[in-house]
């Protein structure tokens, strides 16, 4: 499960966790392996990725799904700028745009 929330100007908290069971524990679904990340995504980069056609949260959800599927997740720092991923991973921007339904 991936959860994305705005916590500061252009800064998002992304929580990635595995569900263990569907029963509620203290009003919450019991989770295993929860990891918390702080991600900076500037407004300019957001517009470059999706042209402001979807939410910031949807963009970041797709980013983290991509990172997990491409096995880039293990070495991810707990705090980073999305621009760093674009610089590090060839084809990153094109793939995220494709995932949210846009093409280059």
Foldseek 3Di string as FASTA:
>chain_A
DWDWDDDDQQKIKIKDWDFDDDDDDPNHGDTPDIAIAIEGEHPVNVCVLAVPPDDPRLLVVLLVVVCVVVVVPPPDDRYDYVVVVPVVDPCSSQVSSVVVPHHD
